[in-house]
Amino acid sequence: MLILRHIFINVNLKKQEMKKSVFAILFLLFINLGFSQTNGDNYKSLLTEYLNIQGSLKTFDATFSQMINMFGAKLDEEKYNEFKTEMISSLVAKMVPVYKNHLSETDLKEAILMFKTPIGRKIAEKTPLIAQESMKLSMEWGMEIGEKIQGMIVQ
């Protein structure tokens, strides 16, 4: 009888411990899921700040304007700004996983601080201009390579 009582007590204790463990695991899981969402939102916010301070958002803005003009879309200013904001936000959201693979939140924070320095501001200011000028050179270079490849194929 004493042995059965001991077994019964051990089984009840183990059930209580398991219940506590299950509740603890579920609790931690929900906290982690909530943190992950907040963490993701925080990363997107940091990435947006980073892209803004280093000049990429200006480049996206210019590219967006060129696309609107290329398609001949006529939008009033309010619709244009609303659409542009939506599209750029969508692009940033798509870029989050790419950046997360390569840069931590700490990396982004440090880069943001760097772009707040005089040289960082200069780099941010000049990057869109350099990109614009480089694009033309890259296209010319690509044509040059294409011609050389075609010459090699013909021979």
C-alpha atoms as a PDB file:
ATOM      1  CA  MET A   1       0.000   0.000   0.000  1.00  0.00           C
ATOM      2  CA  LEU A   2       2.834   2.314   0.872  1.00  0.00           C
ATOM      3  CA  ILE A   3       4.454   1.629  -2.493  1.00  0.00           C
ATOM      4  CA  LEU A   4       1.236   2.410  -4.380  1.00  0.00           C
ATOM      5  CA  ARG A   5       0.863   5.648  -2.437  1.00  0.00           C
ATOM      6  CA  HIS A   6       4.476   6.587  -3.258  1.00  0.00           C
ATOM      7  CA  ILE A   7       3.879   5.824  -6.969  1.00  0.00           C
ATOM      8  CA  PHE A   8       0.631   7.810  -6.950  1.00  0.00           C
ATOM      9  CA  ILE A   9       2.358  10.817  -5.346  1.00  0.00           C
ATOM     10  CA  ASN A  10       5.263  10.626  -7.834  1.00  0.00           C
ATOM     11  CA  VAL A  11       2.863  10.386 -10.790  1.00  0.00           C
ATOM     12  CA  ASN A  12       0.865  13.391  -9.525  1.00  0.00           C
ATOM     13  CA  LEU A  13       4.042  15.387  -8.956  1.00  0.00           C
ATOM     14  CA  LYS A  14       5.300  14.524 -12.424  1.00  0.00           C
ATOM     15  CA  LYS A  15       1.944  15.559 -13.946  1.00  0.00           C
ATOM     16  CA  GLN A  16       2.107  18.875 -12.075  1.00  0.00           C
ATOM     17  CA  GLU A  17       5.702  19.401 -13.177  1.00  0.00           C
ATOM     18  CA  MET A  18       4.768  18.572 -16.760  1.00  0.00           C
ATOM     19  CA  LYS A  19       1.830  20.989 -16.641  1.00  0.00           C
ATOM     20  CA  LYS A  20       4.130  23.688 -15.298  1.00  0.00           C
ATOM     21  CA  SER A  21       6.687  22.882 -17.989  1.00  0.00           C
ATOM     22  CA  VAL A  22       4.065  22.979 -20.738  1.00  0.00           C
ATOM     23  CA  PHE A  23       2.711  26.298 -19.454  1.00  0.00           C
ATOM     24  CA  ALA A  24       6.236  27.689 -19.197  1.00  0.00           C
ATOM     25  CA  ILE A  25       7.067  26.581 -22.734  1.00  0.00           C
ATOM     26  CA  LEU A  26       3.834  28.029 -24.124  1.00  0.00           C
ATOM     27  CA  PHE A  27       4.402  31.263 -22.239  1.00  0.00           C
ATOM     28  CA  LEU A  28       7.945  31.582 -23.610  1.00  0.00           C
ATOM     29  CA  LEU A  29       6.737  30.728 -27.094  1.00  0.00           C
ATOM     30  CA  PHE A  30       4.117  33.490 -27.038  1.00  0.00           C
ATOM     31  CA  ILE A  31       6.598  35.987 -25.657  1.00  0.00           C
ATOM     32  CA  ASN A  32       9.084  35.010 -28.363  1.00  0.00           C
ATOM     33  CA  LEU A  33       6.475  35.331 -31.119  1.00  0.00           C
ATOM     34  CA  GLY A  34       5.502  38.754 -29.852  1.00  0.00           C
ATOM     35  CA  PHE A  35       9.130  39.791 -29.583  1.00  0.00           C
ATOM     36  CA  SER A  36       9.863  38.489 -33.073  1.00  0.00           C
ATOM     37  CA  GLN A  37       7.110  40.650 -34.525  1.00  0.00           C
ATOM     38  CA  THR A  38       8.311  43.679 -32.590  1.00  0.00           C
ATOM     39  CA  ASN A  39      11.883  42.834 -33.514  1.00  0.00           C
ATOM     40  CA  GLY A  40      10.884  42.592 -37.209  1.00  0.00           C
ATOM     41  CA  ASP A  41       9.086  45.924 -37.046  1.00  0.00           C
ATOM     42  CA  ASN A  42      12.104  47.429 -35.312  1.00  0.00           C
ATOM     43  CA  TYR A  43      14.432  46.052 -37.987  1.00  0.00           C
ATOM     44  CA  LYS A  44      12.250  47.464 -40.758  1.00  0.00           C
ATOM     45  CA  SER A  45      12.205  50.822 -39.006  1.00  0.00           C
ATOM     46  CA  LEU A  46      16.006  50.771 -38.623  1.00  0.00           C
ATOM     47  CA  LEU A  47      16.433  49.705 -42.238  1.00  0.00           C
ATOM     48  CA  THR A  48      14.169  52.538 -43.395  1.00  0.00           C
ATOM     49  CA  GLU A  49      16.206  55.020 -41.346  1.00  0.00           C
ATOM     50  CA  TYR A  50      19.443  53.556 -42.721  1.00  0.00           C
ATOM     51  CA  LEU A  51      18.219  53.663 -46.345  1.00  0.00           C
ATOM     52  CA  ASN A  52      17.026  57.221 -45.830  1.00  0.00           C
ATOM     53  CA  ILE A  53      20.165  58.539 -44.169  1.00  0.00           C
ATOM     54  CA  GLN A  54      22.525  56.918 -46.669  1.00  0.00           C
ATOM     55  CA  GLY A  55      20.584  58.194 -49.674  1.00  0.00           C
ATOM     56  CA  SER A  56      18.956  55.059 -51.098  1.00  0.00           C
ATOM     57  CA  LEU A  57      15.428  56.311 -50.494  1.00  0.00           C
ATOM     58  CA  LYS A  58      16.225  59.384 -52.612  1.00  0.00           C
ATOM     59  CA  THR A  59      17.406  57.044 -55.362  1.00  0.00           C
ATOM     60  CA  PHE A  60      14.246  54.933 -55.022  1.00  0.00           C
ATOM     61  CA  ASP A  61      12.210  58.141 -55.174  1.00  0.00           C
ATOM     62  CA  ALA A  62      13.952  59.289 -58.351  1.00  0.00           C
ATOM     63  CA  THR A  63      13.585  55.841 -59.919  1.00  0.00           C
ATOM     64  CA  PHE A  64       9.901  55.791 -59.030  1.00  0.00           C
ATOM     65  CA  SER A  65       9.406  59.217 -60.635  1.00  0.00           C
ATOM     66  CA  GLN A  66      11.172  58.040 -63.795  1.00  0.00           C
ATOM     67  CA  MET A  67       8.943  54.954 -63.958  1.00  0.00           C
ATOM     68  CA  ILE A  68       5.787  57.055 -63.584  1.00  0.00           C
ATOM     69  CA  ASN A  69       6.985  59.332 -66.390  1.00  0.00           C
ATOM     70  CA  MET A  70       8.048  56.372 -68.567  1.00  0.00           C
ATOM     71  CA  PHE A  71       4.549  54.875 -68.315  1.00  0.00           C
ATOM     72  CA  GLY A  72       2.993  58.276 -68.939  1.00  0.00           C
ATOM     73  CA  ALA A  73       0.869  58.071 -65.797  1.00  0.00           C
ATOM     74  CA  LYS A  74      -0.885  61.272 -64.843  1.00  0.00           C
ATOM     75  CA  LEU A  75      -1.506  61.312 -61.103  1.00  0.00           C
ATOM     76  CA  ASP A  76      -2.491  64.244 -58.966  1.00  0.00           C
ATOM     77  CA  GLU A  77       0.053  65.077 -56.272  1.00  0.00           C
ATOM     78  CA  GLU A  78      -1.882  63.421 -53.431  1.00  0.00           C
ATOM     79  CA  LYS A  79      -2.369  60.125 -55.323  1.00  0.00           C
ATOM     80  CA  TYR A  80       1.222  60.224 -56.539  1.00  0.00           C
ATOM     81  CA  ASN A  81       2.629  60.683 -53.019  1.00  0.00           C
ATOM     82  CA  GLU A  82       0.311  58.031 -51.579  1.00  0.00           C
ATOM     83  CA  PHE A  83       1.244  55.521 -54.285  1.00  0.00           C
ATOM     84  CA  LYS A  84       4.958  56.322 -54.019  1.00  0.00           C
ATOM     85  CA  THR A  85       4.918  55.877 -50.229  1.00  0.00           C
ATOM     86  CA  GLU A  86       3.107  52.546 -50.591  1.00  0.00           C
ATOM     87  CA  MET A  87       5.486  51.252 -53.265  1.00  0.00           C
ATOM     88  CA  ILE A  88       8.675  52.322 -51.479  1.00  0.00           C
ATOM     89  CA  SER A  89       7.391  50.838 -48.209  1.00  0.00           C
ATOM     90  CA  SER A  90       6.680  47.618 -50.102  1.00  0.00           C
ATOM     91  CA  LEU A  91      10.217  47.588 -51.507  1.00  0.00           C
ATOM     92  CA  VAL A  92      11.760  48.177 -48.074  1.00  0.00           C
ATOM     93  CA  ALA A  93       9.646  45.328 -46.638  1.00  0.00           C
ATOM     94  CA  LYS A  94      10.973  43.027 -49.386  1.00  0.00           C
ATOM     95  CA  MET A  95      14.538  44.116 -48.613  1.00  0.00           C
ATOM     96  CA  VAL A  96      14.320  43.350 -44.864  1.00  0.00           C
ATOM     97  CA  PRO A  97      15.175  39.628 -45.199  1.00  0.00           C
ATOM     98  CA  VAL A  98      18.083  40.412 -47.526  1.00  0.00           C
ATOM     99  CA  TYR A  99      19.583  42.939 -45.142  1.00  0.00           C
ATOM    100  CA  LYS A 100      18.876  40.696 -42.130  1.00  0.00           C
ATOM    101  CA  ASN A 101      21.003  37.986 -43.761  1.00  0.00           C
ATOM    102  CA  HIS A 102      23.973  40.330 -43.820  1.00  0.00           C
ATOM    103  CA  LEU A 103      23.552  43.076 -41.208  1.00  0.00           C
ATOM    104  CA  SER A 104      22.391  42.919 -37.603  1.00  0.00           C
ATOM    105  CA  GLU A 105      20.373  45.649 -35.911  1.00  0.00           C
ATOM    106  CA  THR A 106      23.606  46.741 -34.231  1.00  0.00           C
ATOM    107  CA  ASP A 107      25.285  47.012 -37.652  1.00  0.00           C
ATOM    108  CA  LEU A 108      22.456  49.211 -38.926  1.00  0.00           C
ATOM    109  CA  LYS A 109      22.585  51.402 -35.808  1.00  0.00           C
ATOM    110  CA  GLU A 110      26.336  51.863 -36.198  1.00  0.00           C
ATOM    111  CA  ALA A 111      25.978  52.635 -39.913  1.00  0.00           C
ATOM    112  CA  ILE A 112      23.278  55.200 -39.128  1.00  0.00           C
ATOM    113  CA  LEU A 113      25.647  56.848 -36.639  1.00  0.00           C
ATOM    114  CA  MET A 114      28.400  56.863 -39.279  1.00  0.00           C
ATOM    115  CA  PHE A 115      26.104  58.558 -41.801  1.00  0.00           C
ATOM    116  CA  LYS A 116      25.410  61.279 -39.233  1.00  0.00           C
ATOM    117  CA  THR A 117      29.104  62.281 -39.315  1.00  0.00           C
ATOM    118  CA  PRO A 118      30.325  64.912 -41.827  1.00  0.00           C
ATOM    119  CA  ILE A 119      31.955  62.298 -44.113  1.00  0.00           C
ATOM    120  CA  GLY A 120      28.896  60.069 -43.816  1.00  0.00           C
ATOM    121  CA  ARG A 121      26.614  62.927 -44.861  1.00  0.00           C
ATOM    122  CA  LYS A 122      28.899  63.694 -47.801  1.00  0.00           C
ATOM    123  CA  ILE A 123      28.874  60.051 -48.908  1.00  0.00           C
ATOM    124  CA  ALA A 124      25.077  59.976 -48.610  1.00  0.00           C
ATOM    125  CA  GLU A 125      24.768  63.199 -50.584  1.00  0.00           C
ATOM    126  CA  LYS A 126      27.095  62.084 -53.364  1.00  0.00           C
ATOM    127  CA  THR A 127      26.033  58.426 -53.668  1.00  0.00           C
ATOM    128  CA  PRO A 128      22.931  59.065 -55.830  1.00  0.00           C
ATOM    129  CA  LEU A 129      24.986  61.300 -58.150  1.00  0.00           C
ATOM    130  CA  ILE A 130      27.774  58.720 -58.366  1.00  0.00           C
ATOM    131  CA  ALA A 131      25.200  55.987 -59.033  1.00  0.00           C
ATOM    132  CA  GLN A 132      23.596  58.030 -61.803  1.00  0.00           C
ATOM    133  CA  GLU A 133      26.939  58.755 -63.481  1.00  0.00           C
ATOM    134  CA  SER A 134      28.134  55.176 -62.967  1.00  0.00           C
ATOM    135  CA  MET A 135      24.996  53.760 -64.565  1.00  0.00           C
ATOM    136  CA  LYS A 136      25.824  55.454 -67.859  1.00  0.00           C
ATOM    137  CA  LEU A 137      29.407  54.166 -67.720  1.00  0.00           C
ATOM    138  CA  SER A 138      28.206  50.684 -66.809  1.00  0.00           C
ATOM    139  CA  MET A 139      25.863  50.615 -69.784  1.00  0.00           C
ATOM    140  CA  GLU A 140      28.669  51.724 -72.120  1.00  0.00           C
ATOM    141  CA  TRP A 141      30.985  49.125 -70.570  1.00  0.00           C
ATOM    142  CA  GLY A 142      28.327  46.427 -71.009  1.00  0.00           C
ATOM    143  CA  MET A 143      27.930  47.348 -74.678  1.00  0.00           C
ATOM    144  CA  GLU A 144      31.706  47.210 -75.093  1.00  0.00           C
ATOM    145  CA  ILE A 145      31.869  43.740 -73.537  1.00  0.00           C
ATOM    146  CA  GLY A 146      28.905  42.610 -75.653  1.00  0.00           C
ATOM    147  CA  GLU A 147      30.678  43.706 -78.838  1.00  0.00           C
ATOM    148  CA  LYS A 148      33.880  41.868 -77.819  1.00  0.00           C
ATOM    149  CA  ILE A 149      31.921  38.703 -77.012  1.00  0.00           C
ATOM    150  CA  GLN A 150      30.141  38.895 -80.358  1.00  0.00           C
ATOM    151  CA  GLY A 151      33.536  39.302 -82.064  1.00  0.00           C
ATOM    152  CA  MET A 152      34.817  36.202 -80.294  1.00  0.00           C
ATOM    153  CA  ILE A 153      31.747  34.192 -81.330  1.00  0.00           C
ATOM    154  CA  VAL A 154      32.078  35.145 -84.991  1.00  0.00           C
ATOM    155  CA  GLN A 155      35.747  34.049 -85.134  1.00  0.00           C
END
